[in-house]
PDB file of N, CA and C in Angstrom:
ATOM      1  N   MET A   1      48.416-109.914  77.301  1.00  0.00           N
ATOM      2  CA  MET A   1      48.432-110.335  78.383  1.00  0.00           C
ATOM      3  C   MET A   1      47.705-112.000  77.589  1.00  0.00           C
ATOM      4  N   GLY A   2      47.034-111.570  76.703  1.00  0.00           N
ATOM      5  CA  GLY A   2      46.262-113.385  75.815  1.00  0.00           C
ATOM      6  C   GLY A   2      47.220-114.220  75.529  1.00  0.00           C
ATOM      7  N   GLN A   3      48.691-113.926  74.826  1.00  0.00           N
ATOM      8  CA  GLN A   3      49.316-114.994  74.628  1.00  0.00           C
ATOM      9  C   GLN A   3      50.435-115.091  76.102  1.00  0.00           C
ATOM     10  N   LEU A   4      50.488-114.409  77.140  1.00  0.00           N
ATOM     11  CA  LEU A   4      50.975-115.090  78.169  1.00  0.00           C
ATOM     12  C   LEU A   4      50.422-116.150  78.862  1.00  0.00           C
ATOM     13  N   ALA A   5      48.605-115.789  78.733  1.00  0.00           N
ATOM     14  CA  ALA A   5      47.509-116.495  79.525  1.00  0.00           C
ATOM     15  C   ALA A   5      47.598-117.816  78.341  1.00  0.00           C
ATOM     16  N   ARG A   6      47.366-118.206  76.911  1.00  0.00           N
ATOM     17  CA  ARG A   6      47.580-118.645  76.707  1.00  0.00           C
ATOM     18  C   ARG A   6      49.124-119.945  76.655  1.00  0.00           C
ATOM     19  N   ARG A   7      50.257-119.553  76.805  1.00  0.00           N
ATOM     20  CA  ARG A   7      51.506-119.844  77.142  1.00  0.00           C
ATOM     21  C   ARG A   7      51.419-120.847  78.051  1.00  0.00           C
ATOM     22  N   LEU A   8      51.057-120.064  78.925  1.00  0.00           N
ATOM     23  CA  LEU A   8      50.648-121.007  80.601  1.00  0.00           C
ATOM     24  C   LEU A   8      49.599-122.036  80.605  1.00  0.00           C
ATOM     25  N   GLY A   9      48.632-121.990  80.034  1.00  0.00           N
ATOM     26  CA  GLY A   9      47.709-122.834  79.247  1.00  0.00           C
ATOM     27  C   GLY A   9      46.484-122.043  80.955  1.00  0.00           C
ATOM     28  N   LEU A  10      46.309-121.082  80.810  1.00  0.00           N
ATOM     29  CA  LEU A  10      45.601-120.247  82.130  1.00  0.00           C
ATOM     30  C   LEU A  10      44.009-119.581  81.102  1.00  0.00           C
ATOM     31  N   PRO A  11      43.024-119.862  82.173  1.00  0.00           N
ATOM     32  CA  PRO A  11      42.048-119.142  81.756  1.00  0.00           C
ATOM     33  C   PRO A  11      42.132-117.664  82.368  1.00  0.00           C
ATOM     34  N   VAL A  12      41.181-116.900  81.588  1.00  0.00           N
ATOM     35  CA  VAL A  12      41.282-115.660  82.101  1.00  0.00           C
ATOM     36  C   VAL A  12      39.784-115.487  82.431  1.00  0.00           C
ATOM     37  N   ILE A  13      39.299-113.946  83.289  1.00  0.00           N
ATOM     38  CA  ILE A  13      38.633-113.652  84.100  1.00  0.00           C
ATOM     39  C   ILE A  13      38.296-112.090  83.535  1.00  0.00           C
ATOM     40  N   PRO A  14      37.745-111.773  82.176  1.00  0.00           N
ATOM     41  CA  PRO A  14      37.672-110.391  81.704  1.00  0.00           C
ATOM     42  C   PRO A  14      36.680-110.315  83.113  1.00  0.00           C
ATOM     43  N   VAL A  15      37.262-108.260  83.205  1.00  0.00           N
ATOM     44  CA  VAL A  15      36.224-107.777  84.066  1.00  0.00           C
ATOM     45  C   VAL A  15      35.927-106.714  83.291  1.00  0.00           C
ATOM     46  N   LEU A  16      34.175-106.718  83.420  1.00  0.00           N
ATOM     47  CA  LEU A  16      33.506-106.132  82.660  1.00  0.00           C
ATOM     48  C   LEU A  16      33.105-104.447  82.857  1.00  0.00           C
ATOM     49  N   GLY A  17      33.516-103.504  82.864  1.00  0.00           N
ATOM     50  CA  GLY A  17      33.016-102.235  83.062  1.00  0.00           C
ATOM     51  C   GLY A  17      31.834-101.817  82.701  1.00  0.00           C
ATOM     52  N   MET A  18      30.942-101.897  83.603  1.00  0.00           N
ATOM     53  CA  MET A  18      29.043-101.426  83.322  1.00  0.00           C
ATOM     54  C   MET A  18      29.187-100.199  83.304  1.00  0.00           C
ATOM     55  N   ARG A  19      28.999 -99.955  82.084  1.00  0.00           N
ATOM     56  CA  ARG A  19      28.637 -98.293  81.796  1.00  0.00           C
ATOM     57  C   ARG A  19      28.307 -98.081  80.602  1.00  0.00           C
ATOM     58  N   PRO A  20      27.321 -97.485  79.813  1.00  0.00           N
ATOM     59  CA  PRO A  20      27.219 -97.178  78.102  1.00  0.00           C
ATOM     60  C   PRO A  20      27.930 -98.093  77.384  1.00  0.00           C
ATOM     61  N   GLY A  21      27.305 -98.599  76.619  1.00  0.00           N
ATOM     62  CA  GLY A  21      27.915 -99.335  75.427  1.00  0.00           C
ATOM     63  C   GLY A  21      29.118-100.608  76.179  1.00  0.00           C
ATOM     64  N   CYS A  22      28.497-101.184  77.078  1.00  0.00           N
ATOM     65  CA  CYS A  22      29.933-101.655  77.091  1.00  0.00           C
ATOM     66  C   CYS A  22      29.507-103.337  77.484  1.00  0.00           C
ATOM     67  N   LEU A  23      27.907-103.271  76.454  1.00  0.00           N
ATOM     68  CA  LEU A  23      27.724-104.647  75.664  1.00  0.00           C
ATOM     69  C   LEU A  23      29.042-105.287  75.027  1.00  0.00           C
ATOM     70  N   ASN A  24      28.669-104.294  74.001  1.00  0.00           N
ATOM     71  CA  ASN A  24      29.376-104.401  72.879  1.00  0.00           C
ATOM     72  C   ASN A  24      31.280-104.884  73.092  1.00  0.00           C
ATOM     73  N   GLN A  25      31.578-103.623  74.172  1.00  0.00           N
ATOM     74  CA  GLN A  25      33.101-103.796  74.487  1.00  0.00           C
ATOM     75  C   GLN A  25      32.487-105.320  74.800  1.00  0.00           C
ATOM     76  N   ALA A  26      32.188-106.205  75.911  1.00  0.00           N
ATOM     77  CA  ALA A  26      32.108-107.177  76.013  1.00  0.00           C
ATOM     78  C   ALA A  26      31.907-108.515  75.373  1.00  0.00           C
ATOM     79  N   LEU A  27      31.058-107.734  74.469  1.00  0.00           N
ATOM     80  CA  LEU A  27      31.368-108.890  73.282  1.00  0.00           C
ATOM     81  C   LEU A  27      32.782-109.591  72.314  1.00  0.00           C
ATOM     82  N   LEU A  28      32.978-108.013  72.056  1.00  0.00           N
ATOM     83  CA  LEU A  28      34.369-108.295  71.941  1.00  0.00           C
ATOM     84  C   LEU A  28      35.472-108.596  72.289  1.00  0.00           C
ATOM     85  N   THR A  29      35.584-108.394  73.767  1.00  0.00           N
ATOM     86  CA  THR A  29      36.915-109.624  74.848  1.00  0.00           C
ATOM     87  C   THR A  29      36.658-110.223  74.234  1.00  0.00           C
ATOM     88  N   ALA A  30      35.493-110.759  74.516  1.00  0.00           N
ATOM     89  CA  ALA A  30      35.242-112.396  75.030  1.00  0.00           C
ATOM     90  C   ALA A  30      35.894-112.751  73.752  1.00  0.00           C
ATOM     91  N   LYS A  31      35.506-112.173  72.552  1.00  0.00           N
ATOM     92  CA  LYS A  31      35.900-112.537  71.045  1.00  0.00           C
ATOM     93  C   LYS A  31      37.440-113.134  70.889  1.00  0.00           C
ATOM     94  N   ALA A  32      37.991-112.114  71.372  1.00  0.00           N
ATOM     95  CA  ALA A  32      39.371-111.671  71.096  1.00  0.00           C
ATOM     96  C   ALA A  32      39.734-112.830  72.417  1.00  0.00           C
ATOM     97  N   VAL A  33      39.317-113.024  73.173  1.00  0.00           N
ATOM     98  CA  VAL A  33      40.324-113.971  74.134  1.00  0.00           C
ATOM     99  C   VAL A  33      40.220-115.370  73.528  1.00  0.00           C
ATOM    100  N   ARG A  34      39.201-115.741  73.076  1.00  0.00           N
ATOM    101  CA  ARG A  34      38.821-117.159  72.351  1.00  0.00           C
ATOM    102  C   ARG A  34      39.484-116.999  71.199  1.00  0.00           C
ATOM    103  N   ALA A  35      39.616-115.923  70.402  1.00  0.00           N
ATOM    104  CA  ALA A  35      40.915-115.591  68.667  1.00  0.00           C
ATOM    105  C   ALA A  35      42.111-116.450  69.715  1.00  0.00           C
ATOM    106  N   ARG A  36      42.073-115.788  70.497  1.00  0.00           N
ATOM    107  CA  ARG A  36      43.891-115.932  71.346  1.00  0.00           C
ATOM    108  C   ARG A  36      43.699-117.201  71.308  1.00  0.00           C
ATOM    109  N   GLY A  37      42.735-118.320  71.836  1.00  0.00           N
ATOM    110  CA  GLY A  37      43.619-119.969  72.381  1.00  0.00           C
ATOM    111  C   GLY A  37      42.984-120.228  73.892  1.00  0.00           C
ATOM    112  N   VAL A  38      41.979-119.008  74.228  1.00  0.00           N
ATOM    113  CA  VAL A  38      42.270-118.514  75.671  1.00  0.00           C
ATOM    114  C   VAL A  38      40.834-118.967  75.584  1.00  0.00           C
ATOM    115  N   THR A  39      40.807-119.534  77.306  1.00  0.00           N
ATOM    116  CA  THR A  39      39.484-119.705  77.546  1.00  0.00           C
ATOM    117  C   THR A  39      38.597-119.064  78.567  1.00  0.00           C
ATOM    118  N   PRO A  40      37.725-118.140  78.213  1.00  0.00           N
ATOM    119  CA  PRO A  40      37.254-117.621  79.615  1.00  0.00           C
ATOM    120  C   PRO A  40      37.056-118.315  80.602  1.00  0.00           C
ATOM    121  N   ALA A  41      37.091-118.235  81.914  1.00  0.00           N
ATOM    122  CA  ALA A  41      36.903-119.005  83.025  1.00  0.00           C
ATOM    123  C   ALA A  41      35.100-117.922  83.662  1.00  0.00           C
ATOM    124  N   GLY A  42      35.360-117.540  83.393  1.00  0.00           N
ATOM    125  CA  GLY A  42      33.649-116.653  83.731  1.00  0.00           C
ATOM    126  C   GLY A  42      34.298-114.760  83.412  1.00  0.00           C
ATOM    127  N   TRP A  43      33.651-114.187  84.255  1.00  0.00           N
ATOM    128  CA  TRP A  43      33.411-112.976  83.870  1.00  0.00           C
ATOM    129  C   TRP A  43      33.090-111.741  85.252  1.00  0.00           C
ATOM    130  N   ILE A  44      33.451-110.689  85.627  1.00  0.00           N
ATOM    131  CA  ILE A  44      32.902-110.054  86.448  1.00  0.00           C
ATOM    132  C   ILE A  44      32.544-108.473  85.836  1.00  0.00           C
ATOM    133  N   ALA A  45      31.374-108.336  86.502  1.00  0.00           N
ATOM    134  CA  ALA A  45      30.646-107.296  86.157  1.00  0.00           C
ATOM    135  C   ALA A  45      30.768-106.060  87.261  1.00  0.00           C
ATOM    136  N   ASN A  46      31.909-105.198  86.579  1.00  0.00           N
ATOM    137  CA  ASN A  46      32.186-104.040  87.055  1.00  0.00           C
ATOM    138  C   ASN A  46      31.102-102.801  87.377  1.00  0.00           C
ATOM    139  N   SER A  47      30.400-102.096  88.577  1.00  0.00           N
ATOM    140  CA  SER A  47      29.617-101.674  88.597  1.00  0.00           C
ATOM    141  C   SER A  47      30.250 -99.833  88.108  1.00  0.00           C
ATOM    142  N   ILE A  48      30.496 -99.464  87.170  1.00  0.00           N
ATOM    143  CA  ILE A  48      31.809 -97.912  87.155  1.00  0.00           C
ATOM    144  C   ILE A  48      30.802 -97.023  87.134  1.00  0.00           C
ATOM    145  N   ASP A  49      29.202 -97.305  86.502  1.00  0.00           N
ATOM    146  CA  ASP A  49      29.063 -95.796  86.149  1.00  0.00           C
ATOM    147  C   ASP A  49      27.726 -96.076  87.231  1.00  0.00           C
ATOM    148  N   PRO A  50      27.265 -95.365  88.487  1.00  0.00           N
ATOM    149  CA  PRO A  50      26.829 -95.221  89.397  1.00  0.00           C
ATOM    150  C   PRO A  50      25.040 -95.119  89.192  1.00  0.00           C
ATOM    151  N   GLU A  51      25.143 -94.029  87.484  1.00  0.00           N
ATOM    152  CA  GLU A  51      23.673 -93.756  87.472  1.00  0.00           C
ATOM    153  C   GLU A  51      23.457 -94.774  85.665  1.00  0.00           C
ATOM    154  N   MET A  52      24.182 -95.771  85.692  1.00  0.00           N
ATOM    155  CA  MET A  52      23.532 -96.287  84.522  1.00  0.00           C
ATOM    156  C   MET A  52      22.537 -97.331  84.871  1.00  0.00           C
ATOM    157  N   ALA A  53      21.171 -96.432  83.719  1.00  0.00           N
ATOM    158  CA  ALA A  53      20.424 -96.986  83.683  1.00  0.00           C
ATOM    159  C   ALA A  53      19.709 -98.264  83.157  1.00  0.00           C
ATOM    160  N   VAL A  54      20.415 -99.310  82.588  1.00  0.00           N
ATOM    161  CA  VAL A  54      19.818-100.261  82.231  1.00  0.00           C
ATOM    162  C   VAL A  54      20.972-101.296  82.409  1.00  0.00           C
ATOM    163  N   ALA A  55      21.492-100.927  83.703  1.00  0.00           N
ATOM    164  CA  ALA A  55      22.392-101.896  84.159  1.00  0.00           C
ATOM    165  C   ALA A  55      21.798-103.485  84.471  1.00  0.00           C
ATOM    166  N   ASP A  56      21.373-103.832  85.070  1.00  0.00           N
ATOM    167  CA  ASP A  56      20.449-105.121  85.065  1.00  0.00           C
ATOM    168  C   ASP A  56      19.964-105.577  83.495  1.00  0.00           C
ATOM    169  N   GLN A  57      19.782-104.864  82.603  1.00  0.00           N
ATOM    170  CA  GLN A  57      19.552-105.621  81.563  1.00  0.00           C
ATOM    171  C   GLN A  57      21.320-106.091  81.017  1.00  0.00           C
ATOM    172  N   SER A  58      21.667-105.291  81.354  1.00  0.00           N
ATOM    173  CA  SER A  58      23.429-105.132  80.380  1.00  0.00           C
ATOM    174  C   SER A  58      23.874-106.761  80.971  1.00  0.00           C
ATOM    175  N   VAL A  59      23.729-107.003  82.633  1.00  0.00           N
ATOM    176  CA  VAL A  59      23.887-108.052  83.334  1.00  0.00           C
ATOM    177  C   VAL A  59      23.317-109.110  82.643  1.00  0.00           C
ATOM    178  N   GLN A  60      21.779-109.138  82.467  1.00  0.00           N
ATOM    179  CA  GLN A  60      21.415-110.276  81.748  1.00  0.00           C
ATOM    180  C   GLN A  60      21.906-110.680  80.358  1.00  0.00           C
ATOM    181  N   ALA A  61      22.330-110.088  79.311  1.00  0.00           N
ATOM    182  CA  ALA A  61      23.129-109.765  78.149  1.00  0.00           C
ATOM    183  C   ALA A  61      23.992-110.266  78.112  1.00  0.00           C
ATOM    184  N   PHE A  62      24.966-110.392  79.428  1.00  0.00           N
ATOM    185  CA  PHE A  62      26.031-110.816  79.414  1.00  0.00           C
ATOM    186  C   PHE A  62      25.920-112.652  79.641  1.00  0.00           C
ATOM    187  N   LYS A  63      25.031-112.455  80.784  1.00  0.00           N
ATOM    188  CA  LYS A  63      25.107-114.466  81.019  1.00  0.00           C
ATOM    189  C   LYS A  63      24.556-115.078  80.231  1.00  0.00           C
ATOM    190  N   GLU A  64      23.587-114.103  78.884  1.00  0.00           N
ATOM    191  CA  GLU A  64      22.907-114.681  77.651  1.00  0.00           C
ATOM    192  C   GLU A  64      24.216-115.053  76.348  1.00  0.00           C
ATOM    193  N   ARG A  65      25.488-114.362  76.842  1.00  0.00           N
ATOM    194  CA  ARG A  65      25.814-114.150  75.014  1.00  0.00           C
ATOM    195  C   ARG A  65      27.780-114.101  75.498  1.00  0.00           C
ATOM    196  N   ILE A  66      28.088-114.211  76.872  1.00  0.00           N
ATOM    197  CA  ILE A  66      29.430-114.358  76.978  1.00  0.00           C
ATOM    198  C   ILE A  66      29.766-115.895  76.723  1.00  0.00           C
ATOM    199  N   GLY A  67      28.639-116.820  77.234  1.00  0.00           N
ATOM    200  CA  GLY A  67      29.465-117.968  77.541  1.00  0.00           C
ATOM    201  C   GLY A  67      30.349-118.379  78.548  1.00  0.00           C
ATOM    202  N   ALA A  68      30.358-118.298  79.389  1.00  0.00           N
ATOM    203  CA  ALA A  68      31.083-117.755  80.770  1.00  0.00           C
ATOM    204  C   ALA A  68      29.697-117.289  81.911  1.00  0.00           C
ATOM    205  N   PRO A  69      30.320-118.222  82.676  1.00  0.00           N
ATOM    206  CA  PRO A  69      29.627-117.830  84.119  1.00  0.00           C
ATOM    207  C   PRO A  69      30.038-116.176  84.889  1.00  0.00           C
ATOM    208  N   ARG A  70      28.832-115.642  85.170  1.00  0.00           N
ATOM    209  CA  ARG A  70      29.375-114.806  86.336  1.00  0.00           C
ATOM    210  C   ARG A  70      29.628-114.960  87.565  1.00  0.00           C
ATOM    211  N   LEU A  71      30.924-114.504  88.183  1.00  0.00           N
ATOM    212  CA  LEU A  71      31.586-114.529  88.977  1.00  0.00           C
ATOM    213  C   LEU A  71      31.010-113.673  90.465  1.00  0.00           C
ATOM    214  N   ALA A  72      30.945-112.425  89.791  1.00  0.00           N
ATOM    215  CA  ALA A  72      31.182-111.411  90.406  1.00  0.00           C
ATOM    216  C   ALA A  72      30.591-110.212  90.010  1.00  0.00           C
ATOM    217  N   LEU A  73      29.606-109.384  90.667  1.00  0.00           N
ATOM    218  CA  LEU A  73      28.850-108.308  90.446  1.00  0.00           C
ATOM    219  C   LEU A  73      28.568-107.359  91.639  1.00  0.00           C
ATOM    220  N   ILE A  74      30.201-106.412  91.058  1.00  0.00           N
ATOM    221  CA  ILE A  74      30.489-105.362  92.227  1.00  0.00           C
ATOM    222  C   ILE A  74      29.975-104.538  91.971  1.00  0.00           C
ATOM    223  N   ALA A  75      29.020-104.073  93.146  1.00  0.00           N
ATOM    224  CA  ALA A  75      28.050-102.870  93.003  1.00  0.00           C
ATOM    225  C   ALA A  75      29.491-101.502  93.117  1.00  0.00           C
ATOM    226  N   PHE A  76      28.621-100.083  92.385  1.00  0.00           N
ATOM    227  CA  PHE A  76      29.703 -98.973  92.322  1.00  0.00           C
ATOM    228  C   PHE A  76      30.137 -98.858  94.119  1.00  0.00           C
ATOM    229  N   ARG A  77      31.172 -97.811  93.639  1.00  0.00           N
ATOM    230  CA  ARG A  77      31.494 -97.479  95.359  1.00  0.00           C
ATOM    231  C   ARG A  77      32.757 -96.806  95.144  1.00  0.00           C
ATOM    232  N   HIS A  78      32.912 -95.699  95.618  1.00  0.00           N
ATOM    233  CA  HIS A  78      33.920 -94.907  95.043  1.00  0.00           C
ATOM    234  C   HIS A  78      35.376 -95.098  95.903  1.00  0.00           C
ATOM    235  N   GLU A  79      35.444 -96.044  96.718  1.00  0.00           N
ATOM    236  CA  GLU A  79      36.761 -96.996  97.314  1.00  0.00           C
ATOM    237  C   GLU A  79      36.388 -98.186  97.610  1.00  0.00           C
ATOM    238  N   ILE A  80      37.365 -99.603  97.439  1.00  0.00           N
ATOM    239  CA  ILE A  80      36.983-100.879  97.293  1.00  0.00           C
ATOM    240  C   ILE A  80      38.780-101.326  97.288  1.00  0.00           C
ATOM    241  N   ASP A  81      38.598-102.100  97.986  1.00  0.00           N
ATOM    242  CA  ASP A  81      40.142-102.793  98.456  1.00  0.00           C
ATOM    243  C   ASP A  81      39.489-104.498  97.770  1.00  0.00           C
ATOM    244  N   SER A  82      40.877-105.280  97.962  1.00  0.00           N
ATOM    245  CA  SER A  82      41.126-106.334  97.472  1.00  0.00           C
ATOM    246  C   SER A  82      39.896-107.700  98.214  1.00  0.00           C
ATOM    247  N   ALA A  83      40.449-107.468  99.528  1.00  0.00           N
ATOM    248  CA  ALA A  83      39.508-107.984 100.482  1.00  0.00           C
ATOM    249  C   ALA A  83      37.373-107.825 100.275  1.00  0.00           C
ATOM    250  N   ASP A  84      37.119-106.703  99.834  1.00  0.00           N
ATOM    251  CA  ASP A  84      35.487-106.295  99.144  1.00  0.00           C
ATOM    252  C   ASP A  84      35.908-107.209  98.373  1.00  0.00           C
ATOM    253  N   VAL A  85      36.306-107.052  97.136  1.00  0.00           N
ATOM    254  CA  VAL A  85      36.141-107.878  95.919  1.00  0.00           C
ATOM    255  C   VAL A  85      36.257-109.701  96.087  1.00  0.00           C
ATOM    256  N   ALA A  86      36.910-109.915  97.175  1.00  0.00           N
ATOM    257  CA  ALA A  86      37.299-111.808  97.315  1.00  0.00           C
ATOM    258  C   ALA A  86      35.844-111.826  97.931  1.00  0.00           C
ATOM    259  N   ALA A  87      35.627-111.368  98.953  1.00  0.00           N
ATOM    260  CA  ALA A  87      34.145-111.826  99.395  1.00  0.00           C
ATOM    261  C   ALA A  87      33.341-111.447  98.130  1.00  0.00           C
ATOM    262  N   LEU A  88      33.087-110.974  97.140  1.00  0.00           N
ATOM    263  CA  LEU A  88      31.940-110.850  96.149  1.00  0.00           C
ATOM    264  C   LEU A  88      32.115-112.181  95.610  1.00  0.00           C
ATOM    265  N   LEU A  89      33.555-112.032  95.123  1.00  0.00           N
ATOM    266  CA  LEU A  89      33.492-113.280  93.845  1.00  0.00           C
ATOM    267  C   LEU A  89      32.707-114.926  94.472  1.00  0.00           C
ATOM    268  N   ASP A  90      32.146-115.165  93.327  1.00  0.00           N
ATOM    269  CA  ASP A  90      31.258-116.509  93.586  1.00  0.00           C
ATOM    270  C   ASP A  90      31.949-117.776  92.950  1.00  0.00           C
ATOM    271  N   LEU A  91      33.004-118.566  93.318  1.00  0.00           N
ATOM    272  CA  LEU A  91      33.780-119.608  93.039  1.00  0.00           C
ATOM    273  C   LEU A  91      33.256-120.477  93.246  1.00  0.00           C
ATOM    274  N   GLU A  92      31.869-120.766  93.639  1.00  0.00           N
ATOM    275  CA  GLU A  92      31.431-121.659  92.796  1.00  0.00           C
ATOM    276  C   GLU A  92      30.962-122.159  91.453  1.00  0.00           C
ATOM    277  N   ALA A  93      30.739-120.907  90.950  1.00  0.00           N
ATOM    278  CA  ALA A  93      30.395-121.028  89.779  1.00  0.00           C
ATOM    279  C   ALA A  93      31.646-121.805  88.311  1.00  0.00           C
ATOM    280  N   LEU A  94      32.690-121.495  89.543  1.00  0.00           N
ATOM    281  CA  LEU A  94      33.704-122.136  88.422  1.00  0.00           C
ATOM    282  C   LEU A  94      33.803-123.586  88.203  1.00  0.00           C
ATOM    283  N   ALA A  95      33.208-123.995  89.279  1.00  0.00           N
ATOM    284  CA  ALA A  95      33.088-125.649  89.605  1.00  0.00           C
ATOM    285  C   ALA A  95      31.738-126.665  88.454  1.00  0.00           C
TER     286      ALA A  95
END
């Protein structure tokens, strides 16, 4: 998908799963995206582990290290649809 985004000249928006070990995975993802010549437009934090003890600290670490704005923080839900996600997006952060 990174090659497709680069060829089309499109930015990407990584969705970061909030769970133990997510900071390392997020930083590697951001590095891989940039290595392919693609610019991350922003990122989304998706809380997939409702018991994660350091979620707030992880989001803060993402803010400090990813180099792109946070577009949404999606709280854990058993079911969610695209309208729910769209309502959570901070599109002003892209401006």
